[in-house]
């Protein structure tokens, strides 16, 4: 639900959706039309359909849905690589789930994180250009802390920094905790 949608909006829908579909099995056995109806109001209905497909694949096929035939049906993968094999899961979502739900050492790059990383480390990169975004992902992977638990905090901090301090419209450099490392800040004060 958080793909392309603000947390404040998701908070309105999540409890109702979870009440209707409390388990992956409940979601998998529902009709697609029921899932889409439960999603009503959030938009981007392909996300609901993909979540439904994902639940069916995981419940019916188990680990063979993502390349691990030893994993029991109903069990979600924990690594970004395995998560990406599931319907509707891209690089960002795989990194977020692995990092936040499983405390895996996994990079994630959303719009805010891409902006922060490019401003701090490589102001010449434009996050909207695919080749530059690929380089930003490499930066994100390079600067990950050593442990999954620290990565959880690191990723959350990057997301918050981009949402609240290093925003698209306003750079709040005087209060930025990484300004002494920031290439954009350094060049703006020369």
N, C-alpha and C. Protein backbone atom coordinates (compact mmCIF):
# COMPACT_ATOMS: atom_id res chain seq x y z
N UNK A 1 0.81 -1.20 0.00
CA UNK A 1 0.00 0.00 0.00
C UNK A 1 0.85 1.26 0.00
N UNK A 2 2.05 1.15 0.54
CA UNK A 2 2.89 2.33 0.64
C UNK A 2 3.61 2.68 -0.66
N UNK A 3 3.51 1.83 -1.67
CA UNK A 3 4.09 2.17 -2.97
C UNK A 3 3.29 3.34 -3.55
N UNK A 4 3.94 4.45 -3.78
CA UNK A 4 3.33 5.62 -4.40
C UNK A 4 2.21 6.26 -3.56
N UNK A 5 2.14 5.95 -2.28
CA UNK A 5 1.06 6.49 -1.43
C UNK A 5 1.64 6.91 -0.08
N UNK A 6 1.22 8.06 0.40
CA UNK A 6 1.70 8.57 1.68
C UNK A 6 1.19 7.73 2.84
N UNK A 7 2.00 7.66 3.88
CA UNK A 7 1.68 6.88 5.07
C UNK A 7 0.35 7.31 5.66
N UNK A 8 0.10 8.60 5.71
CA UNK A 8 -1.15 9.10 6.31
C UNK A 8 -2.39 8.53 5.61
N UNK A 9 -2.33 8.38 4.30
CA UNK A 9 -3.48 7.79 3.57
C UNK A 9 -3.58 6.30 3.84
N UNK A 10 -2.45 5.62 3.86
CA UNK A 10 -2.47 4.17 4.08
C UNK A 10 -3.02 3.85 5.46
N UNK A 11 -2.72 4.67 6.44
CA UNK A 11 -3.21 4.42 7.81
C UNK A 11 -4.73 4.36 7.88
N UNK A 12 -5.41 5.05 6.97
CA UNK A 12 -6.87 5.00 6.93
C UNK A 12 -7.38 3.66 6.41
N UNK A 13 -6.65 3.06 5.47
CA UNK A 13 -7.10 1.86 4.76
C UNK A 13 -6.59 0.55 5.35
N UNK A 14 -5.39 0.58 5.90
CA UNK A 14 -4.73 -0.65 6.35
C UNK A 14 -5.55 -1.46 7.35
N UNK A 15 -6.09 -0.87 8.43
CA UNK A 15 -6.85 -1.69 9.39
C UNK A 15 -8.06 -2.39 8.76
N UNK A 16 -8.78 -1.69 7.89
CA UNK A 16 -9.95 -2.27 7.23
C UNK A 16 -9.53 -3.41 6.29
N UNK A 17 -8.45 -3.21 5.54
CA UNK A 17 -7.96 -4.23 4.62
C UNK A 17 -7.49 -5.46 5.40
N UNK A 18 -6.78 -5.22 6.48
CA UNK A 18 -6.26 -6.32 7.30
C UNK A 18 -7.39 -7.08 8.01
N UNK A 19 -8.44 -6.38 8.38
CA UNK A 19 -9.59 -7.06 8.98
C UNK A 19 -10.25 -7.99 7.97
N UNK A 20 -10.35 -7.54 6.72
CA UNK A 20 -10.96 -8.36 5.67
C UNK A 20 -10.05 -9.50 5.23
N UNK A 21 -8.74 -9.26 5.20
CA UNK A 21 -7.76 -10.26 4.76
C UNK A 21 -6.67 -10.39 5.82
N UNK A 22 -6.97 -11.08 6.93
CA UNK A 22 -6.03 -11.12 8.06
C UNK A 22 -4.77 -11.96 7.83
N UNK A 23 -4.81 -12.85 6.85
CA UNK A 23 -3.66 -13.71 6.57
C UNK A 23 -3.39 -13.76 5.08
N UNK A 24 -2.22 -14.25 4.74
CA UNK A 24 -1.88 -14.43 3.34
C UNK A 24 -2.82 -15.45 2.70
N UNK A 25 -3.21 -16.46 3.46
CA UNK A 25 -4.14 -17.47 2.96
C UNK A 25 -5.52 -16.87 2.69
N UNK A 26 -5.98 -16.00 3.56
CA UNK A 26 -7.28 -15.34 3.35
C UNK A 26 -7.24 -14.49 2.09
N UNK A 27 -6.14 -13.82 1.87
CA UNK A 27 -5.98 -13.01 0.67
C UNK A 27 -5.94 -13.89 -0.57
N UNK A 28 -5.21 -15.00 -0.49
CA UNK A 28 -5.05 -15.90 -1.64
C UNK A 28 -6.37 -16.57 -2.04
N UNK A 29 -7.22 -16.85 -1.08
CA UNK A 29 -8.47 -17.55 -1.41
C UNK A 29 -9.59 -16.60 -1.84
N UNK A 30 -9.38 -15.31 -1.66
CA UNK A 30 -10.39 -14.32 -2.07
C UNK A 30 -10.38 -14.16 -3.59
N UNK A 31 -11.48 -13.69 -4.11
CA UNK A 31 -11.54 -13.34 -5.54
C UNK A 31 -10.78 -12.04 -5.74
N UNK A 32 -10.21 -11.91 -6.93
CA UNK A 32 -9.48 -10.68 -7.24
C UNK A 32 -10.39 -9.46 -7.09
N UNK A 33 -11.64 -9.57 -7.49
CA UNK A 33 -12.56 -8.44 -7.38
C UNK A 33 -12.77 -8.02 -5.93
N UNK A 34 -12.76 -8.99 -4.99
CA UNK A 34 -12.88 -8.65 -3.56
C UNK A 34 -11.66 -7.87 -3.08
N UNK A 35 -10.48 -8.30 -3.53
CA UNK A 35 -9.25 -7.63 -3.13
C UNK A 35 -9.23 -6.20 -3.66
N UNK A 36 -9.61 -6.04 -4.92
CA UNK A 36 -9.66 -4.70 -5.52
C UNK A 36 -10.68 -3.83 -4.79
N UNK A 37 -11.82 -4.40 -4.42
CA UNK A 37 -12.84 -3.66 -3.67
C UNK A 37 -12.30 -3.25 -2.29
N UNK A 38 -11.56 -4.13 -1.65
CA UNK A 38 -10.95 -3.80 -0.36
C UNK A 38 -9.89 -2.71 -0.47
N UNK A 39 -9.36 -2.56 -1.66
CA UNK A 39 -8.31 -1.56 -1.94
C UNK A 39 -8.91 -0.23 -2.36
N UNK A 40 -10.21 -0.21 -2.63
CA UNK A 40 -10.88 0.96 -3.20
C UNK A 40 -10.52 2.24 -2.47
N UNK A 41 -10.16 3.25 -3.25
CA UNK A 41 -9.81 4.56 -2.71
C UNK A 41 -8.33 4.83 -2.69
N UNK A 42 -7.51 3.78 -2.78
CA UNK A 42 -6.06 3.97 -2.75
C UNK A 42 -5.45 4.19 -4.14
N UNK A 43 -6.18 3.85 -5.17
CA UNK A 43 -5.66 4.01 -6.53
C UNK A 43 -4.59 3.00 -6.86
N UNK A 44 -4.02 3.12 -8.04
CA UNK A 44 -2.98 2.19 -8.51
C UNK A 44 -3.41 0.75 -8.26
N UNK A 45 -4.53 0.35 -8.85
CA UNK A 45 -5.14 -0.95 -8.56
C UNK A 45 -4.29 -2.13 -9.02
N UNK A 46 -3.31 -1.89 -9.85
CA UNK A 46 -2.38 -2.97 -10.23
C UNK A 46 -1.66 -3.49 -8.98
N UNK A 47 -1.46 -2.62 -8.00
CA UNK A 47 -0.82 -3.06 -6.74
C UNK A 47 -1.69 -4.10 -6.04
N UNK A 48 -2.99 -3.88 -6.01
CA UNK A 48 -3.91 -4.83 -5.37
C UNK A 48 -3.90 -6.15 -6.12
N UNK A 49 -3.95 -6.07 -7.44
CA UNK A 49 -3.94 -7.30 -8.25
C UNK A 49 -2.62 -8.05 -8.08
N UNK A 50 -1.51 -7.31 -8.04
CA UNK A 50 -0.21 -7.96 -7.84
C UNK A 50 -0.09 -8.58 -6.45
N UNK A 51 -0.62 -7.90 -5.44
CA UNK A 51 -0.60 -8.45 -4.08
C UNK A 51 -1.40 -9.75 -4.04
N UNK A 52 -2.52 -9.76 -4.73
CA UNK A 52 -3.35 -10.96 -4.81
C UNK A 52 -2.59 -12.09 -5.51
N UNK A 53 -1.96 -11.79 -6.64
CA UNK A 53 -1.16 -12.79 -7.36
C UNK A 53 -0.02 -13.30 -6.48
N UNK A 54 0.64 -12.38 -5.78
CA UNK A 54 1.73 -12.76 -4.88
C UNK A 54 1.23 -13.73 -3.81
N UNK A 55 0.11 -13.40 -3.19
CA UNK A 55 -0.41 -14.26 -2.12
C UNK A 55 -0.74 -15.64 -2.65
N UNK A 56 -1.34 -15.71 -3.83
CA UNK A 56 -1.66 -17.01 -4.42
C UNK A 56 -0.40 -17.81 -4.74
N UNK A 57 0.60 -17.16 -5.29
CA UNK A 57 1.84 -17.86 -5.62
C UNK A 57 2.51 -18.40 -4.36
N UNK A 58 2.57 -17.59 -3.33
CA UNK A 58 3.25 -18.00 -2.09
C UNK A 58 2.47 -19.10 -1.38
N UNK A 59 1.15 -18.98 -1.31
CA UNK A 59 0.33 -19.97 -0.62
C UNK A 59 0.27 -21.29 -1.40
N UNK A 60 0.13 -21.21 -2.70
CA UNK A 60 0.00 -22.43 -3.50
C UNK A 60 1.33 -23.08 -3.84
N UNK A 61 2.31 -22.27 -4.19
CA UNK A 61 3.57 -22.82 -4.68
C UNK A 61 4.68 -22.83 -3.64
N UNK A 62 4.52 -22.07 -2.57
CA UNK A 62 5.59 -21.97 -1.58
C UNK A 62 6.84 -21.39 -2.20
N UNK A 63 7.98 -21.87 -1.78
CA UNK A 63 9.25 -21.33 -2.23
C UNK A 63 9.54 -21.51 -3.70
N UNK A 64 8.87 -22.44 -4.35
CA UNK A 64 9.12 -22.59 -5.79
C UNK A 64 8.65 -21.36 -6.56
N UNK A 65 7.80 -20.52 -5.95
CA UNK A 65 7.35 -19.28 -6.58
C UNK A 65 8.51 -18.29 -6.73
N UNK A 66 9.54 -18.44 -5.91
CA UNK A 66 10.69 -17.52 -6.00
C UNK A 66 12.03 -18.23 -6.10
N UNK A 67 11.99 -19.52 -6.31
CA UNK A 67 13.24 -20.22 -6.56
C UNK A 67 13.83 -20.98 -5.38
N UNK A 68 13.05 -21.16 -4.32
CA UNK A 68 13.52 -21.94 -3.17
C UNK A 68 12.50 -23.04 -2.87
N UNK A 69 12.62 -24.20 -3.55
CA UNK A 69 11.62 -25.26 -3.39
C UNK A 69 11.55 -25.84 -1.98
N UNK A 70 12.50 -25.50 -1.11
CA UNK A 70 12.48 -26.03 0.26
C UNK A 70 11.59 -25.20 1.18
N UNK A 71 11.23 -23.97 0.76
CA UNK A 71 10.41 -23.10 1.61
C UNK A 71 8.95 -23.58 1.60
N UNK A 72 8.35 -23.59 2.76
CA UNK A 72 6.98 -24.08 2.91
C UNK A 72 5.98 -23.11 2.30
N UNK A 73 4.86 -23.64 1.79
CA UNK A 73 3.80 -22.76 1.29
C UNK A 73 3.33 -21.79 2.39
N UNK A 74 3.05 -20.57 1.99
CA UNK A 74 2.59 -19.55 2.94
C UNK A 74 3.71 -18.77 3.58
N UNK A 75 4.96 -19.12 3.26
CA UNK A 75 6.11 -18.44 3.83
C UNK A 75 6.68 -17.45 2.82
N UNK A 76 6.85 -16.22 3.24
CA UNK A 76 7.44 -15.21 2.36
C UNK A 76 8.96 -15.27 2.42
N UNK A 77 9.62 -14.96 1.31
CA UNK A 77 11.07 -14.91 1.34
C UNK A 77 11.55 -13.70 2.14
N UNK A 78 12.81 -13.73 2.55
CA UNK A 78 13.35 -12.64 3.35
C UNK A 78 14.45 -11.86 2.64
N UNK A 79 14.97 -12.36 1.55
CA UNK A 79 16.06 -11.67 0.86
C UNK A 79 15.52 -10.85 -0.30
N UNK A 80 16.19 -9.74 -0.62
CA UNK A 80 15.74 -8.92 -1.75
C UNK A 80 15.69 -9.71 -3.06
N UNK A 81 16.66 -10.58 -3.28
CA UNK A 81 16.70 -11.35 -4.53
C UNK A 81 15.48 -12.23 -4.67
N UNK A 82 15.11 -12.94 -3.61
CA UNK A 82 13.94 -13.81 -3.66
C UNK A 82 12.64 -13.02 -3.70
N UNK A 83 12.57 -11.93 -2.97
CA UNK A 83 11.37 -11.10 -2.98
C UNK A 83 11.09 -10.55 -4.38
N UNK A 84 12.13 -10.19 -5.10
CA UNK A 84 11.96 -9.62 -6.45
C UNK A 84 11.36 -10.61 -7.44
N UNK A 85 11.43 -11.88 -7.12
CA UNK A 85 10.86 -12.90 -8.02
C UNK A 85 9.34 -12.96 -7.93
N UNK A 86 8.77 -12.29 -6.94
CA UNK A 86 7.32 -12.33 -6.74
C UNK A 86 6.61 -11.22 -7.52
N UNK A 87 5.35 -11.43 -7.89
CA UNK A 87 4.60 -10.42 -8.66
C UNK A 87 4.50 -9.08 -7.92
N UNK A 88 4.80 -8.01 -8.65
CA UNK A 88 4.63 -6.66 -8.10
C UNK A 88 5.74 -6.18 -7.20
N UNK A 89 6.78 -6.98 -7.02
CA UNK A 89 7.88 -6.59 -6.13
C UNK A 89 9.07 -6.13 -6.96
N UNK A 90 9.37 -4.85 -6.86
CA UNK A 90 10.54 -4.29 -7.54
C UNK A 90 11.68 -4.13 -6.57
N UNK A 91 12.72 -3.49 -7.02
CA UNK A 91 13.94 -3.34 -6.22
C UNK A 91 13.68 -2.59 -4.91
N UNK A 92 12.93 -1.48 -4.98
CA UNK A 92 12.68 -0.71 -3.77
C UNK A 92 11.88 -1.51 -2.74
N UNK A 93 10.77 -2.09 -3.17
CA UNK A 93 9.92 -2.85 -2.25
C UNK A 93 10.69 -4.03 -1.67
N UNK A 94 11.46 -4.72 -2.49
CA UNK A 94 12.25 -5.85 -2.00
C UNK A 94 13.24 -5.39 -0.94
N UNK A 95 13.92 -4.28 -1.18
CA UNK A 95 14.86 -3.75 -0.20
C UNK A 95 14.16 -3.30 1.08
N UNK A 96 13.01 -2.65 0.92
CA UNK A 96 12.27 -2.18 2.10
C UNK A 96 11.78 -3.34 2.95
N UNK A 97 11.18 -4.35 2.33
CA UNK A 97 10.68 -5.51 3.08
C UNK A 97 11.83 -6.25 3.75
N UNK A 98 12.90 -6.49 3.00
CA UNK A 98 14.04 -7.21 3.57
C UNK A 98 14.66 -6.44 4.73
N UNK A 99 14.79 -5.13 4.57
CA UNK A 99 15.40 -4.30 5.60
C UNK A 99 14.49 -4.11 6.82
N UNK A 100 13.26 -3.66 6.58
CA UNK A 100 12.38 -3.29 7.68
C UNK A 100 11.68 -4.48 8.34
N UNK A 101 11.30 -5.47 7.57
CA UNK A 101 10.59 -6.61 8.14
C UNK A 101 11.52 -7.70 8.64
N UNK A 102 12.69 -7.83 8.00
CA UNK A 102 13.57 -8.95 8.33
C UNK A 102 14.96 -8.54 8.78
N UNK A 103 15.18 -7.24 8.94
CA UNK A 103 16.47 -6.71 9.36
C UNK A 103 17.63 -7.28 8.55
N UNK A 104 17.41 -7.37 7.24
CA UNK A 104 18.45 -7.80 6.33
C UNK A 104 19.28 -6.58 5.92
N UNK A 105 20.51 -6.84 5.56
CA UNK A 105 21.37 -5.78 5.04
C UNK A 105 21.00 -5.57 3.57
N UNK A 106 20.07 -4.63 3.31
CA UNK A 106 19.53 -4.43 1.97
C UNK A 106 19.36 -2.94 1.69
N UNK A 107 19.79 -2.54 0.51
CA UNK A 107 19.63 -1.15 0.09
C UNK A 107 18.21 -0.91 -0.39
N UNK A 108 17.78 0.33 -0.30
CA UNK A 108 16.50 0.74 -0.89
C UNK A 108 16.66 2.17 -1.37
N UNK A 109 16.09 2.43 -2.52
CA UNK A 109 16.17 3.76 -3.10
C UNK A 109 14.79 4.16 -3.61
N UNK A 110 14.17 5.10 -2.91
CA UNK A 110 12.94 5.71 -3.40
C UNK A 110 13.31 7.11 -3.89
N UNK A 111 12.33 7.91 -4.22
CA UNK A 111 12.59 9.25 -4.74
C UNK A 111 13.38 10.09 -3.75
N UNK A 112 12.98 10.05 -2.48
CA UNK A 112 13.65 10.85 -1.46
C UNK A 112 15.09 10.38 -1.23
N UNK A 113 15.30 9.09 -1.15
CA UNK A 113 16.64 8.55 -0.93
C UNK A 113 17.53 8.87 -2.13
N UNK A 114 17.01 8.74 -3.33
CA UNK A 114 17.80 9.06 -4.53
C UNK A 114 18.24 10.52 -4.51
N UNK A 115 17.35 11.40 -4.10
CA UNK A 115 17.70 12.82 -4.04
C UNK A 115 18.80 13.06 -3.01
N UNK A 116 18.67 12.48 -1.83
CA UNK A 116 19.68 12.66 -0.78
C UNK A 116 21.03 12.12 -1.24
N UNK A 117 21.04 10.90 -1.74
CA UNK A 117 22.31 10.28 -2.14
C UNK A 117 22.97 11.04 -3.28
N UNK A 118 22.19 11.49 -4.24
CA UNK A 118 22.81 12.24 -5.34
C UNK A 118 23.34 13.59 -4.84
N UNK A 119 22.59 14.29 -4.01
CA UNK A 119 23.07 15.58 -3.50
C UNK A 119 24.32 15.42 -2.64
N UNK A 120 24.33 14.41 -1.79
CA UNK A 120 25.47 14.23 -0.88
C UNK A 120 26.71 13.71 -1.61
N UNK A 121 26.54 12.70 -2.45
CA UNK A 121 27.70 12.02 -3.01
C UNK A 121 28.00 12.31 -4.48
N UNK A 122 26.99 12.64 -5.26
CA UNK A 122 27.19 12.77 -6.70
C UNK A 122 26.19 13.73 -7.32
N UNK A 123 26.36 15.05 -7.07
CA UNK A 123 25.38 16.02 -7.56
C UNK A 123 25.21 16.03 -9.08
N UNK A 124 26.17 15.49 -9.80
CA UNK A 124 26.06 15.45 -11.26
C UNK A 124 25.06 14.40 -11.73
N UNK A 125 24.68 13.47 -10.86
CA UNK A 125 23.73 12.42 -11.25
C UNK A 125 22.30 12.95 -11.18
N UNK A 126 21.51 12.54 -12.15
CA UNK A 126 20.10 12.90 -12.21
C UNK A 126 19.28 11.64 -11.95
N UNK A 127 18.63 11.54 -10.80
CA UNK A 127 17.90 10.32 -10.43
C UNK A 127 16.84 9.86 -11.44
N UNK A 128 16.35 10.75 -12.27
CA UNK A 128 15.33 10.35 -13.25
C UNK A 128 15.93 9.67 -14.48
N UNK A 129 17.24 9.76 -14.64
CA UNK A 129 17.89 9.06 -15.75
C UNK A 129 18.24 7.64 -15.31
N UNK A 130 17.79 6.63 -16.04
CA UNK A 130 18.02 5.24 -15.63
C UNK A 130 19.48 4.89 -15.33
N UNK A 131 20.40 5.35 -16.17
CA UNK A 131 21.82 5.01 -15.92
C UNK A 131 22.32 5.67 -14.63
N UNK A 132 21.83 6.88 -14.35
CA UNK A 132 22.23 7.56 -13.12
C UNK A 132 21.58 6.90 -11.91
N UNK A 133 20.34 6.49 -12.05
CA UNK A 133 19.65 5.81 -10.95
C UNK A 133 20.38 4.51 -10.60
N UNK A 134 20.87 3.84 -11.59
CA UNK A 134 21.65 2.61 -11.36
C UNK A 134 22.90 2.92 -10.51
N UNK A 135 23.54 4.03 -10.80
CA UNK A 135 24.72 4.44 -10.02
C UNK A 135 24.33 4.84 -8.60
N UNK A 136 23.16 5.45 -8.45
CA UNK A 136 22.69 5.82 -7.11
C UNK A 136 22.42 4.56 -6.29
N UNK A 137 21.85 3.53 -6.93
CA UNK A 137 21.66 2.25 -6.23
C UNK A 137 23.01 1.69 -5.77
N UNK A 138 24.03 1.81 -6.58
CA UNK A 138 25.37 1.33 -6.18
C UNK A 138 25.90 2.11 -4.98
N UNK A 139 25.66 3.41 -4.96
CA UNK A 139 26.04 4.22 -3.80
C UNK A 139 25.29 3.72 -2.57
N UNK A 140 23.98 3.51 -2.71
CA UNK A 140 23.16 3.04 -1.58
C UNK A 140 23.70 1.72 -1.04
N UNK A 141 24.08 0.82 -1.91
CA UNK A 141 24.62 -0.48 -1.47
C UNK A 141 25.99 -0.31 -0.81
N UNK A 142 26.80 0.59 -1.35
CA UNK A 142 28.15 0.81 -0.84
C UNK A 142 28.15 1.37 0.58
N UNK A 143 27.21 2.22 0.89
CA UNK A 143 27.23 2.89 2.21
C UNK A 143 26.42 2.17 3.28
N UNK A 144 25.91 0.98 2.97
CA UNK A 144 25.14 0.23 3.97
C UNK A 144 26.00 -0.11 5.19
N UNK A 145 25.42 -0.03 6.36
CA UNK A 145 26.14 -0.50 7.55
C UNK A 145 26.39 -2.01 7.47
N UNK A 146 27.20 -2.51 8.36
CA UNK A 146 27.59 -3.93 8.32
C UNK A 146 26.48 -4.89 8.73
N UNK A 147 25.58 -4.46 9.60
CA UNK A 147 24.56 -5.38 10.10
C UNK A 147 23.17 -4.98 9.63
N UNK A 148 22.26 -5.95 9.63
CA UNK A 148 20.89 -5.69 9.24
C UNK A 148 20.17 -4.75 10.19
N UNK A 149 20.44 -4.90 11.48
CA UNK A 149 19.79 -4.05 12.47
C UNK A 149 20.19 -2.58 12.26
N UNK A 150 21.47 -2.35 12.01
CA UNK A 150 21.94 -0.99 11.74
C UNK A 150 21.41 -0.50 10.39
N UNK A 151 21.26 -1.40 9.45
CA UNK A 151 20.73 -1.04 8.13
C UNK A 151 19.30 -0.55 8.25
N UNK A 152 18.51 -1.18 9.12
CA UNK A 152 17.13 -0.75 9.34
C UNK A 152 17.12 0.74 9.71
N UNK A 153 17.94 1.11 10.68
CA UNK A 153 18.01 2.50 11.14
C UNK A 153 18.54 3.42 10.04
N UNK A 154 19.58 2.98 9.37
CA UNK A 154 20.20 3.75 8.29
C UNK A 154 19.18 4.05 7.18
N UNK A 155 18.47 3.03 6.72
CA UNK A 155 17.49 3.23 5.65
C UNK A 155 16.35 4.14 6.08
N UNK A 156 15.88 3.97 7.30
CA UNK A 156 14.81 4.83 7.82
C UNK A 156 15.31 6.27 7.89
N UNK A 157 16.53 6.46 8.34
CA UNK A 157 17.10 7.81 8.45
C UNK A 157 17.22 8.47 7.08
N UNK A 158 17.68 7.72 6.08
CA UNK A 158 17.78 8.29 4.73
C UNK A 158 16.41 8.72 4.20
N UNK A 159 15.41 7.89 4.42
CA UNK A 159 14.06 8.22 3.96
C UNK A 159 13.53 9.47 4.66
N UNK A 160 13.72 9.54 5.96
CA UNK A 160 13.27 10.71 6.74
C UNK A 160 14.04 11.96 6.35
N UNK A 161 15.33 11.83 6.13
CA UNK A 161 16.15 12.97 5.72
C UNK A 161 15.61 13.56 4.41
N UNK A 162 15.29 12.69 3.46
CA UNK A 162 14.76 13.16 2.18
C UNK A 162 13.35 13.71 2.28
N UNK A 163 12.57 13.20 3.19
CA UNK A 163 11.18 13.65 3.34
C UNK A 163 11.07 14.96 4.13
N UNK A 164 11.98 15.16 5.09
CA UNK A 164 11.82 16.28 6.01
C UNK A 164 12.89 17.37 5.92
N UNK A 165 14.11 17.04 5.51
CA UNK A 165 15.21 18.00 5.54
C UNK A 165 15.71 18.33 4.13
N UNK A 166 16.06 17.34 3.39
CA UNK A 166 16.64 17.51 2.05
C UNK A 166 15.53 17.28 1.03
N UNK A 167 14.54 18.17 1.04
CA UNK A 167 13.35 17.96 0.22
C UNK A 167 13.57 18.45 -1.22
N UNK A 168 12.65 18.10 -2.07
CA UNK A 168 12.75 18.50 -3.47
C UNK A 168 12.68 20.02 -3.63
N UNK A 169 11.83 20.65 -2.85
CA UNK A 169 11.64 22.09 -2.98
C UNK A 169 12.61 22.92 -2.15
N UNK A 170 12.92 22.43 -0.95
CA UNK A 170 13.74 23.21 -0.03
C UNK A 170 14.86 22.34 0.54
N UNK A 171 16.08 22.84 0.42
CA UNK A 171 17.22 22.20 1.06
C UNK A 171 17.42 22.90 2.40
N UNK A 172 17.26 22.18 3.48
CA UNK A 172 17.42 22.77 4.81
C UNK A 172 18.83 22.46 5.32
N UNK A 173 19.81 22.92 4.58
CA UNK A 173 21.22 22.63 4.87
C UNK A 173 21.67 23.01 6.28
N UNK A 174 21.22 24.17 6.82
CA UNK A 174 21.69 24.53 8.17
C UNK A 174 21.34 23.50 9.26
N UNK A 175 20.26 22.74 9.06
CA UNK A 175 19.89 21.75 10.08
C UNK A 175 20.20 20.31 9.65
N UNK A 176 20.82 20.15 8.49
CA UNK A 176 21.09 18.81 7.97
C UNK A 176 22.23 18.15 8.72
N UNK A 177 22.02 16.94 9.22
CA UNK A 177 23.07 16.25 9.98
C UNK A 177 24.22 15.74 9.12
N UNK A 178 24.07 15.74 7.80
CA UNK A 178 25.16 15.24 6.94
C UNK A 178 25.77 16.36 6.09
N UNK A 179 25.49 17.61 6.41
CA UNK A 179 25.98 18.71 5.58
C UNK A 179 27.49 18.75 5.47
N UNK A 180 28.21 18.31 6.49
CA UNK A 180 29.68 18.34 6.41
C UNK A 180 30.23 17.33 5.41
N UNK A 181 29.42 16.33 5.05
CA UNK A 181 29.81 15.33 4.06
C UNK A 181 29.25 15.63 2.68
N UNK A 182 28.36 16.59 2.57
CA UNK A 182 27.54 16.81 1.38
C UNK A 182 28.27 17.62 0.30
N UNK A 183 28.38 17.01 -0.87
CA UNK A 183 29.01 17.67 -2.01
C UNK A 183 28.23 18.90 -2.46
N UNK A 184 26.91 18.79 -2.48
CA UNK A 184 26.09 19.94 -2.90
C UNK A 184 26.26 21.11 -1.94
N UNK A 185 26.25 20.84 -0.65
CA UNK A 185 26.44 21.89 0.35
C UNK A 185 27.83 22.50 0.22
N UNK A 186 28.81 21.66 0.06
CA UNK A 186 30.20 22.14 -0.06
C UNK A 186 30.34 23.08 -1.25
N UNK A 187 29.79 22.69 -2.40
CA UNK A 187 29.92 23.51 -3.61
C UNK A 187 29.07 24.77 -3.55
N UNK A 188 28.00 24.76 -2.78
CA UNK A 188 27.17 25.96 -2.68
C UNK A 188 27.79 27.01 -1.78
N UNK A 189 28.77 26.60 -0.99
CA UNK A 189 29.42 27.54 -0.05
C UNK A 189 30.84 27.90 -0.47
N UNK A 190 31.22 27.56 -1.69
CA UNK A 190 32.59 27.91 -2.15
C UNK A 190 32.63 29.30 -2.71
